[in-house]
Protein backbone atom coordinates (compact mmCIF):
# COMPACT_ATOMS: atom_id res chain seq x y z
CA MET A 1 174.40 140.94 91.77
CA SER A 2 172.30 142.03 94.72
CA ARG A 3 168.94 140.42 95.36
CA VAL A 4 165.98 142.76 95.67
CA LEU A 5 162.53 141.47 96.60
CA LEU A 6 159.40 143.57 96.17
CA PHE A 7 156.67 142.61 98.64
CA ASN A 8 153.09 143.88 98.81
CA LYS A 9 152.79 143.95 102.60
CA PRO A 10 149.26 143.38 103.87
CA TYR A 11 147.71 145.35 106.72
CA GLY A 12 148.66 143.90 110.11
CA VAL A 13 151.98 142.33 109.05
CA ILE A 14 155.08 143.49 110.94
CA CYS A 15 158.25 144.29 108.99
CA GLN A 16 160.48 141.67 110.57
CA PHE A 17 161.09 137.95 110.22
CA SER A 18 161.12 137.16 113.96
CA ARG A 19 157.77 136.48 115.57
CA ASP A 20 156.28 138.74 118.23
CA GLY A 21 153.41 136.39 119.05
CA LEU A 22 150.79 138.95 118.04
CA HIS A 23 151.13 139.64 114.31
CA PRO A 24 151.98 137.85 111.08
CA THR A 25 155.59 138.48 110.01
CA LEU A 26 157.58 138.57 106.79
CA ALA A 27 158.45 134.91 107.42
CA ASP A 28 154.78 134.03 106.84
CA TYR A 29 155.05 135.32 103.26
CA ILE A 30 158.68 135.27 102.09
CA PRO A 31 160.54 131.93 102.20
CA VAL A 32 163.89 133.50 101.22
CA ALA A 33 166.92 133.41 103.51
CA GLU A 34 169.34 136.28 104.11
CA VAL A 35 167.22 139.18 102.88
CA TYR A 36 166.33 142.11 105.10
CA PRO A 37 163.85 144.99 104.82
CA ALA A 38 165.19 148.24 103.37
CA GLY A 39 163.05 150.51 105.51
CA ARG A 40 159.79 149.83 107.25
CA LEU A 41 156.05 150.16 106.92
CA ASP A 42 153.91 150.48 110.03
CA THR A 43 151.78 147.50 110.94
CA ASP A 44 148.66 149.45 109.93
CA SER A 45 150.12 150.49 106.55
CA GLU A 46 150.12 148.41 103.37
CA GLY A 47 152.02 148.18 100.15
CA LEU A 48 155.54 148.11 98.82
CA LEU A 49 158.32 146.89 101.05
CA LEU A 50 161.77 146.29 99.56
CA LEU A 51 164.04 143.57 100.89
CA THR A 52 167.65 142.95 99.90
CA ASP A 53 170.71 140.89 100.78
CA ASP A 54 173.04 143.84 100.10
CA GLY A 55 173.79 146.09 103.09
CA LYS A 56 175.11 148.95 100.94
CA LEU A 57 172.01 148.87 98.76
CA GLN A 58 169.80 148.69 101.85
CA HIS A 59 171.51 151.84 103.19
CA ARG A 60 171.19 153.65 99.84
CA ILE A 61 167.46 152.90 99.66
CA THR A 62 166.78 154.12 103.20
CA ASP A 63 169.26 157.01 103.56
CA PRO A 64 167.43 160.36 103.27
CA LYS A 65 170.45 161.98 101.57
CA HIS A 66 169.73 159.87 98.46
CA LYS A 67 166.14 161.18 98.50
CA LEU A 68 164.51 158.27 96.69
CA PRO A 69 160.91 159.32 96.07
CA LYS A 70 158.28 157.27 97.87
CA THR A 71 154.76 157.47 96.46
CA TYR A 72 151.73 156.64 98.59
CA TRP A 73 148.06 156.19 97.88
CA VAL A 74 146.31 157.78 100.85
CA GLN A 75 142.63 157.50 101.65
CA VAL A 76 141.67 160.43 103.86
CA GLU A 77 138.58 161.48 105.72
CA GLY A 78 137.02 164.41 103.88
CA VAL A 79 137.88 166.01 100.55
CA PRO A 80 140.94 168.31 100.64
CA ASP A 81 140.60 171.56 98.73
CA TYR A 82 143.30 173.44 96.82
CA LYS A 83 144.47 175.23 99.98
CA ALA A 84 144.98 171.97 101.88
CA LEU A 85 146.89 170.39 98.97
CA ALA A 86 149.04 173.53 98.69
CA GLN A 87 150.06 173.11 102.34
CA LEU A 88 151.38 169.63 101.58
CA GLN A 89 153.17 170.95 98.49
CA LYS A 90 154.95 173.62 100.57
CA GLY A 91 155.78 171.35 103.52
CA VAL A 92 153.97 170.87 106.80
CA MET A 93 155.16 171.75 110.29
CA LEU A 94 155.18 168.65 112.51
CA LYS A 95 156.34 168.31 116.12
CA ASP A 96 159.77 167.17 114.89
CA GLY A 97 160.14 169.95 112.31
CA MET A 98 159.10 171.01 108.85
CA THR A 99 158.65 168.37 106.18
CA LEU A 100 160.12 168.77 102.74
CA PRO A 101 157.65 169.79 100.04
CA ALA A 102 155.53 166.91 98.75
CA GLN A 103 154.01 166.23 95.36
CA VAL A 104 150.31 165.64 95.85
CA SER A 105 147.15 165.33 93.82
CA LEU A 106 143.63 164.03 94.25
CA MET A 107 143.09 160.68 92.54
CA ASP A 108 140.33 158.18 91.95
CA GLU A 109 140.30 155.08 94.12
CA PRO A 110 143.06 152.86 92.68
CA ALA A 111 141.79 150.36 90.11
CA ASN A 112 141.76 146.71 91.18
CA LEU A 113 142.48 147.65 94.80
CA TRP A 114 142.43 144.62 97.09
CA GLN A 115 140.15 144.54 100.11
CA ARG A 116 141.73 145.45 103.41
CA ASP A 117 141.26 143.00 106.27
CA PRO A 118 139.84 144.37 108.51
CA PRO A 119 137.99 146.94 106.41
CA VAL A 120 138.47 150.65 107.05
CA ARG A 121 135.85 152.09 109.42
CA PHE A 122 133.94 154.90 107.76
CA ARG A 123 131.72 157.58 109.22
CA GLN A 124 128.54 157.63 107.19
CA SER A 125 128.19 161.42 107.26
CA ILE A 126 131.78 162.18 106.16
CA PRO A 127 133.00 161.50 102.61
CA THR A 128 136.45 160.12 101.89
CA SER A 129 138.90 160.79 99.08
CA TRP A 130 142.18 159.45 97.74
CA LEU A 131 145.46 161.31 97.35
CA GLN A 132 148.63 160.37 95.53
CA LEU A 133 151.41 161.76 97.72
CA THR A 134 155.15 161.60 96.98
CA ILE A 135 157.76 162.43 99.61
CA ARG A 136 161.56 162.26 99.65
CA GLU A 137 162.15 161.72 103.35
CA GLY A 138 160.90 159.24 105.90
CA LYS A 139 160.04 160.63 109.31
CA ASN A 140 158.15 158.29 111.61
CA ARG A 141 154.51 157.98 110.47
CA GLN A 142 155.13 161.05 108.31
CA VAL A 143 152.31 160.74 105.78
CA ARG A 144 149.71 160.13 108.50
CA ARG A 145 150.98 163.10 110.50
CA MET A 146 151.04 165.34 107.41
CA THR A 147 147.43 164.64 106.43
CA ALA A 148 146.30 165.04 110.05
CA ALA A 149 148.15 168.38 110.29
CA ILE A 150 146.08 169.77 107.39
CA GLY A 151 142.82 168.45 108.86
CA PHE A 152 142.32 165.28 106.81
CA PRO A 153 143.14 162.16 108.86
CA THR A 154 144.47 159.12 107.01
CA LEU A 155 142.11 156.13 106.91
CA ARG A 156 144.18 153.86 104.67
CA LEU A 157 147.82 154.15 103.60
CA ILE A 158 149.36 152.17 100.74
CA ARG A 159 152.95 152.71 99.61
CA PHE A 160 152.85 152.32 95.83
CA SER A 161 156.48 152.92 94.87
CA ILE A 162 160.03 153.57 96.01
CA GLY A 163 162.22 155.06 93.29
CA ASP A 164 161.53 153.06 90.13
CA TRP A 165 160.18 150.01 91.98
CA SER A 166 156.40 149.73 92.30
CA LEU A 167 153.54 147.46 93.31
CA SER A 168 152.48 147.03 89.69
CA GLY A 169 151.52 143.39 89.13
CA LEU A 170 151.72 142.41 92.81
CA GLY A 171 148.61 141.28 94.66
CA ARG A 172 148.18 141.54 98.41
CA GLY A 173 150.79 139.35 100.14
CA GLU A 174 152.68 138.59 96.89
CA TRP A 175 156.37 139.17 96.21
CA ARG A 176 158.77 139.01 93.29
CA GLU A 177 162.48 139.37 92.74
CA GLU A 178 163.92 142.14 90.56
CA ARG A 179 167.32 143.46 89.62
CA ALA A 180 168.97 146.18 91.70
CA ALA A 181 170.09 148.23 88.70
CA ASN A 182 167.55 151.04 89.15
CA VAL A 183 168.99 152.72 92.26
């Protein structure tokens, strides 16, 4: 059976095992040989990263034609109104084309959310809010570009789930192994 590791990637960690001399890597957290990331998270994004030793499974997780939903918790600058959320639900025009429609809703700050290091920089005169946003594609920096396109820049981005796999029970920098049966 394929190995699948769920990792709660901290801010600032790069999604590779080889060192670049500037950032912590997966090797600093995951002492398991022969597993590879199924997709990526930007260095300045946090949350769920899947790793596997199965190339076919890795492809299935990352291939847009399988459209595995990816759910993000997004802290944005400002408070989006119904009109802004409706734009995300219809799809947003980006420089590289129209996004697929997203599922989105306002949410409270996630319970038991770990502190980010370094903390997010806030502007005292501008409120922030949290969105739960689910997409079924993975354009480069897509969620950040989508929220910016509707006028609400992303301050903090946490991937909560991919398909049926989620961060539930994983603290910052923790990982666990699960079965691959849910893809």
